[in-house]
Amino acid sequence: MKVKAPFGIVTGCHSGDRSTVGATLASIKHYCPDIPVCLVVDGHVDVSDLEELYDLIILRVEELEDDDMRDLIRGSGRAKLAAMWEGPFEFYVWMDADAIVWGDFVSKVRRDLDFQIFWNEISIPADASEEPPWLSHYYFKLEELKNFDPDFEWRGHPYFSTGVFACRRNVISYEEWTKIESWNTAVPGGIFKFWEQGMLDYLVLAKSQRGEIKTAWTDLQWVRSRDHKGLQEDCARGGWSFPGDVNPPMVLHFCGRKPSTLDIHCFSRPFTIARLAHHRHTRSKLRAWIIILAEDGRVLFRKVKKRVFGK
């Protein structure tokens, strides 16, 4: 796809998250109404209603011209790579379909960078002497990686969730990515974890370390492990609508345990607000609630069925 705008926001969906991406899109259009939006679609999913409602640019993985690129991305959780290599924006923010905008954060997006990490801390101190156990769980097997890149410094970085970030188009080339894929397949059991997350973190941090790209990290991504108090206060002010005054604005990423109105152990109210906003474009408030409860009921039924019957 040719570049259509200097800046935009990109999200993606497949059949499994078709019901949640509406919340993502509703939040973008509420807080950032003038920013163009691209939806990357993986698989044969009808998104015509979303395209019309939110004035979207649609990029389908199945329509990528390069056969090898298409085979690498489709059905693999790597839809965000289509935005990096074939997306319509020179610089963009990527958001997974379990993330929502919470306030107008665009003024904090740094387009002077090649890649902006949305994270709130340096994950491993520069003087650390031991590898933390979470590194091999969420990102990569360090000793295996060092066989291919012995100069990589694993300390002093913000290891981030790749569900939300900002970057320049082709900041990592297709050729660079496939080289790392070859490293991964050369090792029994692989090197990198969590679909594309380990690879993307490594490539961004390594290229930054070598001075090939300009990066910085900014506290713009909320995840479940962070404090909920500020969000609870925002929700109290807004009721079941998007709050107007959000400080600080950021992207809320509900990774891991998915937000559900039927899960009392899962903090999900902001995401529910976004889901309501999506459905209320075309339905009454009562009907929107009924649809959301029905969606969550189906998900819960499938989970219970799988536990009881194993399928």
C-alpha atoms as a PDB file:
ATOM      1  CA  MET A   1       0.000   0.000   0.000  1.00  0.00           C
ATOM      2  CA  LYS A   2       1.212   3.503  -0.802  1.00  0.00           C
ATOM      3  CA  VAL A   3       1.689   6.056   1.950  1.00  0.00           C
ATOM      4  CA  LYS A   4      -1.483   8.116   2.354  1.00  0.00           C
ATOM      5  CA  ALA A   5      -0.686  10.397   5.316  1.00  0.00           C
ATOM      6  CA  PRO A   6       2.349  11.458   7.366  1.00  0.00           C
ATOM      7  CA  PHE A   7       0.809  10.253  10.643  1.00  0.00           C
ATOM      8  CA  GLY A   8      -1.970   7.957  11.771  1.00  0.00           C
ATOM      9  CA  ILE A   9      -3.069   5.256  14.193  1.00  0.00           C
ATOM     10  CA  VAL A  10      -3.176   1.578  13.217  1.00  0.00           C
ATOM     11  CA  THR A  11      -4.918  -1.323  14.893  1.00  0.00           C
ATOM     12  CA  GLY A  12      -5.717  -4.825  13.725  1.00  0.00           C
ATOM     13  CA  CYS A  13      -8.167  -7.671  14.041  1.00  0.00           C
ATOM     14  CA  HIS A  14      -8.807 -11.287  13.145  1.00  0.00           C
ATOM     15  CA  SER A  15     -11.935 -13.334  13.754  1.00  0.00           C
ATOM     16  CA  GLY A  16     -11.072 -13.833  17.422  1.00  0.00           C
ATOM     17  CA  ASP A  17     -10.968 -10.151  18.337  1.00  0.00           C
ATOM     18  CA  ARG A  18     -13.539  -8.808  15.867  1.00  0.00           C
ATOM     19  CA  SER A  19     -15.883  -8.078  18.802  1.00  0.00           C
ATOM     20  CA  THR A  20     -13.315  -6.041  20.753  1.00  0.00           C
ATOM     21  CA  VAL A  21     -11.696  -3.922  18.051  1.00  0.00           C
ATOM     22  CA  GLY A  22     -14.838  -1.786  17.927  1.00  0.00           C
ATOM     23  CA  ALA A  23     -13.936  -0.518  21.413  1.00  0.00           C
ATOM     24  CA  THR A  24     -10.430   0.331  20.218  1.00  0.00           C
ATOM     25  CA  LEU A  25     -11.780   2.264  17.245  1.00  0.00           C
ATOM     26  CA  ALA A  26     -14.464   4.050  19.278  1.00  0.00           C
ATOM     27  CA  SER A  27     -11.847   5.292  21.740  1.00  0.00           C
ATOM     28  CA  ILE A  28      -9.558   6.531  18.955  1.00  0.00           C
ATOM     29  CA  LYS A  29     -12.330   8.446  17.230  1.00  0.00           C
ATOM     30  CA  HIS A  30     -13.571   9.917  20.510  1.00  0.00           C
ATOM     31  CA  TYR A  31     -10.271  11.333  21.721  1.00  0.00           C
ATOM     32  CA  CYS A  32      -8.416  11.741  18.396  1.00  0.00           C
ATOM     33  CA  PRO A  33     -11.202  12.456  15.868  1.00  0.00           C
ATOM     34  CA  ASP A  34      -8.968  14.114  13.266  1.00  0.00           C
ATOM     35  CA  ILE A  35      -6.302  11.374  13.129  1.00  0.00           C
ATOM     36  CA  PRO A  36      -6.608   8.933  10.181  1.00  0.00           C
ATOM     37  CA  VAL A  37      -6.978   5.287  11.189  1.00  0.00           C
ATOM     38  CA  CYS A  38      -5.950   2.077   9.456  1.00  0.00           C
ATOM     39  CA  LEU A  39      -7.335  -1.358  10.319  1.00  0.00           C
ATOM     40  CA  VAL A  40      -5.151  -4.352   9.446  1.00  0.00           C
ATOM     41  CA  VAL A  41      -7.385  -7.382   8.870  1.00  0.00           C
ATOM     42  CA  ASP A  42      -5.954 -10.889   9.150  1.00  0.00           C
ATOM     43  CA  GLY A  43      -8.245 -13.488   7.621  1.00  0.00           C
ATOM     44  CA  HIS A  44     -11.611 -13.382   5.899  1.00  0.00           C
ATOM     45  CA  VAL A  45     -13.380 -11.102   8.361  1.00  0.00           C
ATOM     46  CA  ASP A  46     -16.193  -8.747   7.338  1.00  0.00           C
ATOM     47  CA  VAL A  47     -15.335  -5.269   8.631  1.00  0.00           C
ATOM     48  CA  SER A  48     -17.491  -3.268   6.232  1.00  0.00           C
ATOM     49  CA  ASP A  49     -19.571  -1.835   9.083  1.00  0.00           C
ATOM     50  CA  LEU A  50     -16.433  -0.664  10.898  1.00  0.00           C
ATOM     51  CA  GLU A  51     -14.997   0.783   7.704  1.00  0.00           C
ATOM     52  CA  GLU A  52     -18.111   2.887   7.145  1.00  0.00           C
ATOM     53  CA  LEU A  53     -18.656   3.892  10.773  1.00  0.00           C
ATOM     54  CA  TYR A  54     -15.083   4.985  11.472  1.00  0.00           C
ATOM     55  CA  ASP A  55     -13.907   6.005   7.975  1.00  0.00           C
ATOM     56  CA  LEU A  56     -11.081   3.469   8.008  1.00  0.00           C
ATOM     57  CA  ILE A  57      -8.253   2.623   5.652  1.00  0.00           C
ATOM     58  CA  ILE A  58      -8.377  -1.167   5.334  1.00  0.00           C
ATOM     59  CA  LEU A  59      -5.180  -3.181   4.861  1.00  0.00           C
ATOM     60  CA  ARG A  60      -5.796  -6.901   4.403  1.00  0.00           C
ATOM     61  CA  VAL A  61      -2.985  -9.355   5.049  1.00  0.00           C
ATOM     62  CA  GLU A  62      -4.357 -11.645   2.329  1.00  0.00           C
ATOM     63  CA  GLU A  63      -3.872  -8.850  -0.217  1.00  0.00           C
ATOM     64  CA  LEU A  64      -0.178  -8.216   0.453  1.00  0.00           C
ATOM     65  CA  GLU A  65       1.651  -8.541  -2.845  1.00  0.00           C
ATOM     66  CA  ASP A  66       4.733 -10.360  -1.551  1.00  0.00           C
ATOM     67  CA  ASP A  67       3.926 -14.058  -1.105  1.00  0.00           C
ATOM     68  CA  ASP A  68       6.599 -14.690   1.529  1.00  0.00           C
ATOM     69  CA  MET A  69       5.586 -11.639   3.547  1.00  0.00           C
ATOM     70  CA  ARG A  70       1.954 -12.696   3.416  1.00  0.00           C
ATOM     71  CA  ASP A  71       2.797 -16.221   4.568  1.00  0.00           C
ATOM     72  CA  LEU A  72       4.925 -14.878   7.425  1.00  0.00           C
ATOM     73  CA  ILE A  73       2.212 -12.578   8.763  1.00  0.00           C
ATOM     74  CA  ARG A  74      -1.145 -14.271   8.255  1.00  0.00           C
ATOM     75  CA  GLY A  75      -2.566 -16.320  11.095  1.00  0.00           C
ATOM     76  CA  SER A  76       0.489 -15.690  13.251  1.00  0.00           C
ATOM     77  CA  GLY A  77      -0.326 -12.740  15.505  1.00  0.00           C
ATOM     78  CA  ARG A  78       2.076 -10.598  13.452  1.00  0.00           C
ATOM     79  CA  ALA A  79      -0.490  -8.276  11.837  1.00  0.00           C
ATOM     80  CA  LYS A  80       1.384  -5.241  13.153  1.00  0.00           C
ATOM     81  CA  LEU A  81       4.248  -6.077  10.803  1.00  0.00           C
ATOM     82  CA  ALA A  82       1.972  -5.414   7.833  1.00  0.00           C
ATOM     83  CA  ALA A  83       1.615  -1.848   9.138  1.00  0.00           C
ATOM     84  CA  MET A  84       5.393  -1.541   9.419  1.00  0.00           C
ATOM     85  CA  TRP A  85       6.127  -2.687   5.846  1.00  0.00           C
ATOM     86  CA  GLU A  86       2.963  -1.918   3.885  1.00  0.00           C
ATOM     87  CA  GLY A  87       0.999   0.513   6.065  1.00  0.00           C
ATOM     88  CA  PRO A  88      -0.420   3.849   4.848  1.00  0.00           C
ATOM     89  CA  PHE A  89       1.414   6.161   7.287  1.00  0.00           C
ATOM     90  CA  GLU A  90       4.995   7.442   7.392  1.00  0.00           C
ATOM     91  CA  PHE A  91       4.822   7.475  11.202  1.00  0.00           C
ATOM     92  CA  TYR A  92       2.145   5.760  13.247  1.00  0.00           C
ATOM     93  CA  VAL A  93       0.971   4.484  16.603  1.00  0.00           C
ATOM     94  CA  TRP A  94       0.161   0.787  16.727  1.00  0.00           C
ATOM     95  CA  MET A  95      -2.545  -0.468  19.130  1.00  0.00           C
ATOM     96  CA  ASP A  96      -3.592  -4.071  19.665  1.00  0.00           C
ATOM     97  CA  ALA A  97      -7.332  -4.804  19.649  1.00  0.00           C
ATOM     98  CA  ASP A  98      -7.303  -5.110  23.458  1.00  0.00           C
ATOM     99  CA  ALA A  99      -6.116  -1.506  23.877  1.00  0.00           C
ATOM    100  CA  ILE A 100      -8.056   1.768  24.031  1.00  0.00           C
ATOM    101  CA  VAL A 101      -7.154   5.451  23.938  1.00  0.00           C
ATOM    102  CA  TRP A 102      -7.761   7.203  27.264  1.00  0.00           C
ATOM    103  CA  GLY A 103      -7.418  10.928  26.656  1.00  0.00           C
ATOM    104  CA  ASP A 104      -5.755  12.769  23.791  1.00  0.00           C
ATOM    105  CA  PHE A 105      -2.195  11.421  23.993  1.00  0.00           C
ATOM    106  CA  VAL A 106      -1.125  12.407  20.461  1.00  0.00           C
ATOM    107  CA  SER A 107       0.764  15.526  21.575  1.00  0.00           C
ATOM    108  CA  LYS A 108       3.145  13.206  23.450  1.00  0.00           C
ATOM    109  CA  VAL A 109       3.962  11.116  20.396  1.00  0.00           C
ATOM    110  CA  ARG A 110       7.493  12.013  19.286  1.00  0.00           C
ATOM    111  CA  ARG A 111       7.786  11.990  15.539  1.00  0.00           C
ATOM    112  CA  ASP A 112      11.428  13.064  15.763  1.00  0.00           C
ATOM    113  CA  LEU A 113      12.221   9.479  16.794  1.00  0.00           C
ATOM    114  CA  ASP A 114      12.405   6.327  14.723  1.00  0.00           C
ATOM    115  CA  PHE A 115      10.761   4.258  17.453  1.00  0.00           C
ATOM    116  CA  GLN A 116       9.018   5.423  20.617  1.00  0.00           C
ATOM    117  CA  ILE A 117       8.679   2.815  23.335  1.00  0.00           C
ATOM    118  CA  PHE A 118       5.519   3.209  25.410  1.00  0.00           C
ATOM    119  CA  TRP A 119       6.715   2.054  28.843  1.00  0.00           C
ATOM    120  CA  ASN A 120       7.225   3.550  32.277  1.00  0.00           C
ATOM    121  CA  GLU A 121      10.608   2.286  33.464  1.00  0.00           C
ATOM    122  CA  ILE A 122      13.986   0.728  32.754  1.00  0.00           C
ATOM    123  CA  SER A 123      13.201  -2.950  33.304  1.00  0.00           C
ATOM    124  CA  ILE A 124      16.702  -4.223  34.103  1.00  0.00           C
ATOM    125  CA  PRO A 125      19.260  -1.919  35.781  1.00  0.00           C
ATOM    126  CA  ALA A 126      22.417  -1.239  33.795  1.00  0.00           C
ATOM    127  CA  ASP A 127      24.522  -2.795  36.571  1.00  0.00           C
ATOM    128  CA  ALA A 128      22.398  -5.945  37.011  1.00  0.00           C
ATOM    129  CA  SER A 129      24.446  -9.090  37.580  1.00  0.00           C
ATOM    130  CA  GLU A 130      21.704 -11.680  37.093  1.00  0.00           C
ATOM    131  CA  GLU A 131      19.204 -12.288  34.344  1.00  0.00           C
ATOM    132  CA  PRO A 132      15.620 -11.965  35.654  1.00  0.00           C
ATOM    133  CA  PRO A 133      13.458 -15.061  35.049  1.00  0.00           C
ATOM    134  CA  TRP A 134      10.780 -13.073  33.225  1.00  0.00           C
ATOM    135  CA  LEU A 135      13.187 -12.253  30.375  1.00  0.00           C
ATOM    136  CA  SER A 136      13.120 -15.779  28.968  1.00  0.00           C
ATOM    137  CA  HIS A 137       9.363 -16.084  29.591  1.00  0.00           C
ATOM    138  CA  TYR A 138       8.212 -12.913  27.824  1.00  0.00           C
ATOM    139  CA  TYR A 139      11.054 -12.032  25.447  1.00  0.00           C
ATOM    140  CA  PHE A 140      13.940 -14.385  24.615  1.00  0.00           C
ATOM    141  CA  LYS A 141      16.432 -16.979  25.805  1.00  0.00           C
ATOM    142  CA  LEU A 142      19.436 -14.769  26.454  1.00  0.00           C
ATOM    143  CA  GLU A 143      22.174 -17.403  26.152  1.00  0.00           C
ATOM    144  CA  GLU A 144      20.775 -18.686  22.859  1.00  0.00           C
ATOM    145  CA  LEU A 145      20.488 -15.138  21.507  1.00  0.00           C
ATOM    146  CA  LYS A 146      24.091 -14.350  22.408  1.00  0.00           C
ATOM    147  CA  ASN A 147      25.251 -17.158  20.121  1.00  0.00           C
ATOM    148  CA  PHE A 148      24.009 -14.992  17.232  1.00  0.00           C
ATOM    149  CA  ASP A 149      24.637 -11.516  18.694  1.00  0.00           C
ATOM    150  CA  PRO A 150      27.364 -11.715  21.375  1.00  0.00           C
ATOM    151  CA  ASP A 151      27.617  -7.913  21.573  1.00  0.00           C
ATOM    152  CA  PHE A 152      23.997  -7.331  22.561  1.00  0.00           C
ATOM    153  CA  GLU A 153      23.760  -5.582  25.937  1.00  0.00           C
ATOM    154  CA  TRP A 154      20.644  -6.899  27.646  1.00  0.00           C
ATOM    155  CA  ARG A 155      20.742  -4.546  30.630  1.00  0.00           C
ATOM    156  CA  GLY A 156      19.616  -0.936  30.960  1.00  0.00           C
ATOM    157  CA  HIS A 157      16.603  -1.196  28.638  1.00  0.00           C
ATOM    158  CA  PRO A 158      12.845  -0.689  29.004  1.00  0.00           C
ATOM    159  CA  TYR A 159      11.491  -4.085  27.946  1.00  0.00           C
ATOM    160  CA  PHE A 160       8.022  -3.235  26.673  1.00  0.00           C
ATOM    161  CA  SER A 161       4.764  -4.829  25.682  1.00  0.00           C
ATOM    162  CA  THR A 162       4.487  -4.566  21.902  1.00  0.00           C
ATOM    163  CA  GLY A 163       0.721  -4.096  22.020  1.00  0.00           C
ATOM    164  CA  VAL A 164       1.279  -0.332  21.885  1.00  0.00           C
ATOM    165  CA  PHE A 165       4.158   1.678  20.409  1.00  0.00           C
ATOM    166  CA  ALA A 166       4.942   4.394  17.856  1.00  0.00           C
ATOM    167  CA  CYS A 167       7.385   4.107  14.987  1.00  0.00           C
ATOM    168  CA  ARG A 168       8.451   5.110  11.531  1.00  0.00           C
ATOM    169  CA  ARG A 169       7.390   2.951   8.583  1.00  0.00           C
ATOM    170  CA  ASN A 170      10.082   0.362   7.749  1.00  0.00           C
ATOM    171  CA  VAL A 171      12.044   1.193  10.891  1.00  0.00           C
ATOM    172  CA  ILE A 172      12.877  -2.523  10.772  1.00  0.00           C
ATOM    173  CA  SER A 173      13.131  -3.831   7.245  1.00  0.00           C
ATOM    174  CA  TYR A 174      11.533  -7.046   6.054  1.00  0.00           C
ATOM    175  CA  GLU A 175      15.032  -8.423   5.381  1.00  0.00           C
ATOM    176  CA  GLU A 176      16.171  -7.669   8.938  1.00  0.00           C
ATOM    177  CA  TRP A 177      13.119  -9.386  10.351  1.00  0.00           C
ATOM    178  CA  THR A 178      13.475 -12.543   8.269  1.00  0.00           C
ATOM    179  CA  LYS A 179      17.120 -12.808   9.347  1.00  0.00           C
ATOM    180  CA  ILE A 180      16.006 -12.945  12.985  1.00  0.00           C
ATOM    181  CA  GLU A 181      13.305 -15.446  12.060  1.00  0.00           C
ATOM    182  CA  SER A 182      16.073 -17.678  10.693  1.00  0.00           C
ATOM    183  CA  TRP A 183      17.919 -17.453  14.017  1.00  0.00           C
ATOM    184  CA  ASN A 184      14.745 -18.494  15.781  1.00  0.00           C
ATOM    185  CA  THR A 185      14.083 -21.534  13.611  1.00  0.00           C
ATOM    186  CA  ALA A 186      17.718 -22.652  13.880  1.00  0.00           C
ATOM    187  CA  VAL A 187      17.325 -23.292  17.612  1.00  0.00           C
ATOM    188  CA  PRO A 188      15.177 -26.204  18.847  1.00  0.00           C
ATOM    189  CA  GLY A 189      12.232 -24.678  20.662  1.00  0.00           C
ATOM    190  CA  GLY A 190      13.111 -21.229  19.319  1.00  0.00           C
ATOM    191  CA  ILE A 191      14.764 -18.216  20.949  1.00  0.00           C
ATOM    192  CA  PHE A 192      11.997 -15.627  21.040  1.00  0.00           C
ATOM    193  CA  LYS A 193       8.723 -15.611  22.965  1.00  0.00           C
ATOM    194  CA  PHE A 194       5.167 -14.261  22.703  1.00  0.00           C
ATOM    195  CA  TRP A 195       4.685 -14.272  18.945  1.00  0.00           C
ATOM    196  CA  GLU A 196       6.484 -11.165  17.659  1.00  0.00           C
ATOM    197  CA  GLN A 197       7.151  -9.520  21.039  1.00  0.00           C
ATOM    198  CA  GLY A 198      10.565 -10.987  21.787  1.00  0.00           C
ATOM    199  CA  MET A 199      11.810 -10.350  18.258  1.00  0.00           C
ATOM    200  CA  LEU A 200      10.530  -6.786  18.104  1.00  0.00           C
ATOM    201  CA  ASP A 201      11.946  -5.871  21.509  1.00  0.00           C
ATOM    202  CA  TYR A 202      15.325  -7.344  20.613  1.00  0.00           C
ATOM    203  CA  LEU A 203      15.508  -5.645  17.210  1.00  0.00           C
ATOM    204  CA  VAL A 204      14.480  -2.221  18.530  1.00  0.00           C
ATOM    205  CA  LEU A 205      16.865  -2.362  21.493  1.00  0.00           C
ATOM    206  CA  ALA A 206      19.777  -3.808  19.493  1.00  0.00           C
ATOM    207  CA  LYS A 207      19.417  -1.316  16.631  1.00  0.00           C
ATOM    208  CA  SER A 208      19.211   1.524  19.147  1.00  0.00           C
ATOM    209  CA  GLN A 209      22.285   0.236  20.961  1.00  0.00           C
ATOM    210  CA  ARG A 210      24.214   0.193  17.699  1.00  0.00           C
ATOM    211  CA  GLY A 211      23.107   3.735  16.877  1.00  0.00           C
ATOM    212  CA  GLU A 212      21.134   2.671  13.803  1.00  0.00           C
ATOM    213  CA  ILE A 213      17.852   4.174  14.997  1.00  0.00           C
ATOM    214  CA  LYS A 214      16.834   6.896  17.427  1.00  0.00           C
ATOM    215  CA  THR A 215      14.604   5.698  20.257  1.00  0.00           C
ATOM    216  CA  ALA A 216      13.242   6.894  23.576  1.00  0.00           C
ATOM    217  CA  TRP A 217      10.751   5.602  26.105  1.00  0.00           C
ATOM    218  CA  THR A 218       7.714   7.499  27.359  1.00  0.00           C
ATOM    219  CA  ASP A 219       5.160   6.578  30.018  1.00  0.00           C
ATOM    220  CA  LEU A 220       2.180   6.197  27.690  1.00  0.00           C
ATOM    221  CA  GLN A 221       1.077   2.554  28.139  1.00  0.00           C
ATOM    222  CA  TRP A 222      -0.965   1.330  31.080  1.00  0.00           C
ATOM    223  CA  VAL A 223      -1.054  -2.426  31.698  1.00  0.00           C
ATOM    224  CA  ARG A 224      -2.779  -4.485  34.381  1.00  0.00           C
ATOM    225  CA  SER A 225       0.200  -4.609  36.727  1.00  0.00           C
ATOM    226  CA  ARG A 226      -0.036  -0.849  37.215  1.00  0.00           C
ATOM    227  CA  ASP A 227      -2.166   1.051  39.749  1.00  0.00           C
ATOM    228  CA  HIS A 228      -5.896   1.291  38.946  1.00  0.00           C
ATOM    229  CA  LYS A 229      -6.697   4.220  41.254  1.00  0.00           C
ATOM    230  CA  GLY A 230      -6.406   7.000  38.679  1.00  0.00           C
ATOM    231  CA  LEU A 231      -8.531   5.079  36.181  1.00  0.00           C
ATOM    232  CA  GLN A 232     -11.161   4.364  38.806  1.00  0.00           C
ATOM    233  CA  GLU A 233     -11.355   8.090  39.541  1.00  0.00           C
ATOM    234  CA  ASP A 234     -11.672   8.847  35.812  1.00  0.00           C
ATOM    235  CA  CYS A 235     -14.525   6.348  35.527  1.00  0.00           C
ATOM    236  CA  ALA A 236     -16.294   7.767  38.580  1.00  0.00           C
ATOM    237  CA  ARG A 237     -16.332  11.197  36.912  1.00  0.00           C
ATOM    238  CA  GLY A 238     -17.479   9.895  33.552  1.00  0.00           C
ATOM    239  CA  GLY A 239     -20.008   7.280  34.663  1.00  0.00           C
ATOM    240  CA  TRP A 240     -20.448   4.887  31.729  1.00  0.00           C
ATOM    241  CA  SER A 241     -19.165   7.380  29.168  1.00  0.00           C
ATOM    242  CA  PHE A 242     -15.659   8.464  28.220  1.00  0.00           C
ATOM    243  CA  PRO A 243     -14.380  10.979  30.806  1.00  0.00           C
ATOM    244  CA  GLY A 244     -13.514  14.385  29.391  1.00  0.00           C
ATOM    245  CA  ASP A 245     -10.613  15.425  31.604  1.00  0.00           C
ATOM    246  CA  VAL A 246      -8.026  12.637  31.653  1.00  0.00           C
ATOM    247  CA  ASN A 247      -4.626  13.372  33.160  1.00  0.00           C
ATOM    248  CA  PRO A 248      -2.299  11.929  32.173  1.00  0.00           C
ATOM    249  CA  PRO A 249      -3.645  10.714  28.818  1.00  0.00           C
ATOM    250  CA  MET A 250      -2.330   7.341  27.692  1.00  0.00           C
ATOM    251  CA  VAL A 251      -3.216   4.092  25.987  1.00  0.00           C
ATOM    252  CA  LEU A 252      -4.768   1.424  28.208  1.00  0.00           C
ATOM    253  CA  HIS A 253      -3.634  -2.052  27.189  1.00  0.00           C
ATOM    254  CA  PHE A 254      -5.697  -4.894  28.657  1.00  0.00           C
ATOM    255  CA  CYS A 255      -3.176  -7.614  27.818  1.00  0.00           C
ATOM    256  CA  GLY A 256      -3.286 -10.994  29.471  1.00  0.00           C
ATOM    257  CA  ARG A 257      -6.648 -11.572  31.126  1.00  0.00           C
ATOM    258  CA  LYS A 258      -9.198 -10.120  28.727  1.00  0.00           C
ATOM    259  CA  PRO A 259     -11.642  -7.493  29.994  1.00  0.00           C
ATOM    260  CA  SER A 260     -15.082  -8.968  30.704  1.00  0.00           C
ATOM    261  CA  THR A 261     -18.118  -7.677  32.542  1.00  0.00           C
ATOM    262  CA  LEU A 262     -18.656 -11.177  33.940  1.00  0.00           C
ATOM    263  CA  ASP A 263     -15.178 -11.542  35.460  1.00  0.00           C
ATOM    264  CA  ILE A 264     -15.245  -9.974  38.939  1.00  0.00           C
ATOM    265  CA  HIS A 265     -11.477 -10.425  39.298  1.00  0.00           C
ATOM    266  CA  CYS A 266     -10.710  -8.447  36.143  1.00  0.00           C
ATOM    267  CA  PHE A 267     -10.602  -4.632  36.144  1.00  0.00           C
ATOM    268  CA  SER A 268     -12.417  -3.898  32.901  1.00  0.00           C
ATOM    269  CA  ARG A 269     -14.591  -0.783  33.338  1.00  0.00           C
ATOM    270  CA  PRO A 270     -12.642   1.530  30.971  1.00  0.00           C
ATOM    271  CA  PHE A 271     -12.795  -1.098  28.231  1.00  0.00           C
ATOM    272  CA  THR A 272     -16.497  -1.631  28.872  1.00  0.00           C
ATOM    273  CA  ILE A 273     -17.018   2.130  28.488  1.00  0.00           C
ATOM    274  CA  ALA A 274     -15.313   1.946  25.084  1.00  0.00           C
ATOM    275  CA  ARG A 275     -17.411  -1.062  24.060  1.00  0.00           C
ATOM    276  CA  LEU A 276     -20.582   0.802  25.029  1.00  0.00           C
ATOM    277  CA  ALA A 277     -19.448   3.839  23.020  1.00  0.00           C
ATOM    278  CA  HIS A 278     -18.975   1.629  19.969  1.00  0.00           C
ATOM    279  CA  HIS A 279     -22.371  -0.061  20.152  1.00  0.00           C
ATOM    280  CA  ARG A 280     -24.219   3.147  21.018  1.00  0.00           C
ATOM    281  CA  HIS A 281     -23.298   4.606  17.627  1.00  0.00           C
ATOM    282  CA  THR A 282     -26.117   2.507  16.160  1.00  0.00           C
ATOM    283  CA  ARG A 283     -28.099   1.175  19.140  1.00  0.00           C
ATOM    284  CA  SER A 284     -29.833   2.251  22.316  1.00  0.00           C
ATOM    285  CA  LYS A 285     -28.024   2.127  25.645  1.00  0.00           C
ATOM    286  CA  LEU A 286     -30.048  -0.915  26.742  1.00  0.00           C
ATOM    287  CA  ARG A 287     -29.385  -2.772  23.508  1.00  0.00           C
ATOM    288  CA  ALA A 288     -25.653  -1.985  23.778  1.00  0.00           C
ATOM    289  CA  TRP A 289     -25.547  -3.517  27.268  1.00  0.00           C
ATOM    290  CA  ILE A 290     -27.419  -6.602  26.078  1.00  0.00           C
ATOM    291  CA  ILE A 291     -24.930  -7.144  23.238  1.00  0.00           C
ATOM    292  CA  ILE A 292     -21.926  -6.777  25.554  1.00  0.00           C
ATOM    293  CA  LEU A 293     -23.346  -9.167  28.169  1.00  0.00           C
ATOM    294  CA  ALA A 294     -24.187 -11.669  25.419  1.00  0.00           C
ATOM    295  CA  GLU A 295     -20.654 -11.456  23.992  1.00  0.00           C
ATOM    296  CA  ASP A 296     -19.084 -11.980  27.411  1.00  0.00           C
ATOM    297  CA  GLY A 297     -21.510 -14.811  28.135  1.00  0.00           C
ATOM    298  CA  ARG A 298     -20.452 -16.658  24.984  1.00  0.00           C
ATOM    299  CA  VAL A 299     -16.768 -16.250  25.883  1.00  0.00           C
ATOM    300  CA  LEU A 300     -17.406 -17.542  29.416  1.00  0.00           C
ATOM    301  CA  PHE A 301     -19.396 -20.510  28.085  1.00  0.00           C
ATOM    302  CA  ARG A 302     -16.548 -21.487  25.753  1.00  0.00           C
ATOM    303  CA  LYS A 303     -14.051 -21.314  28.638  1.00  0.00           C
ATOM    304  CA  VAL A 304     -16.231 -23.471  30.894  1.00  0.00           C
ATOM    305  CA  LYS A 305     -16.863 -25.952  28.082  1.00  0.00           C
ATOM    306  CA  LYS A 306     -13.136 -26.247  27.406  1.00  0.00           C
ATOM    307  CA  ARG A 307     -12.379 -26.886  31.101  1.00  0.00           C
ATOM    308  CA  VAL A 308     -15.121 -29.484  31.469  1.00  0.00           C
ATOM    309  CA  PHE A 309     -14.851 -31.284  28.135  1.00  0.00           C
ATOM    310  CA  GLY A 310     -11.318 -30.336  27.072  1.00  0.00           C
ATOM    311  CA  LYS A 311     -12.457 -28.810  23.769  1.00  0.00           C
END
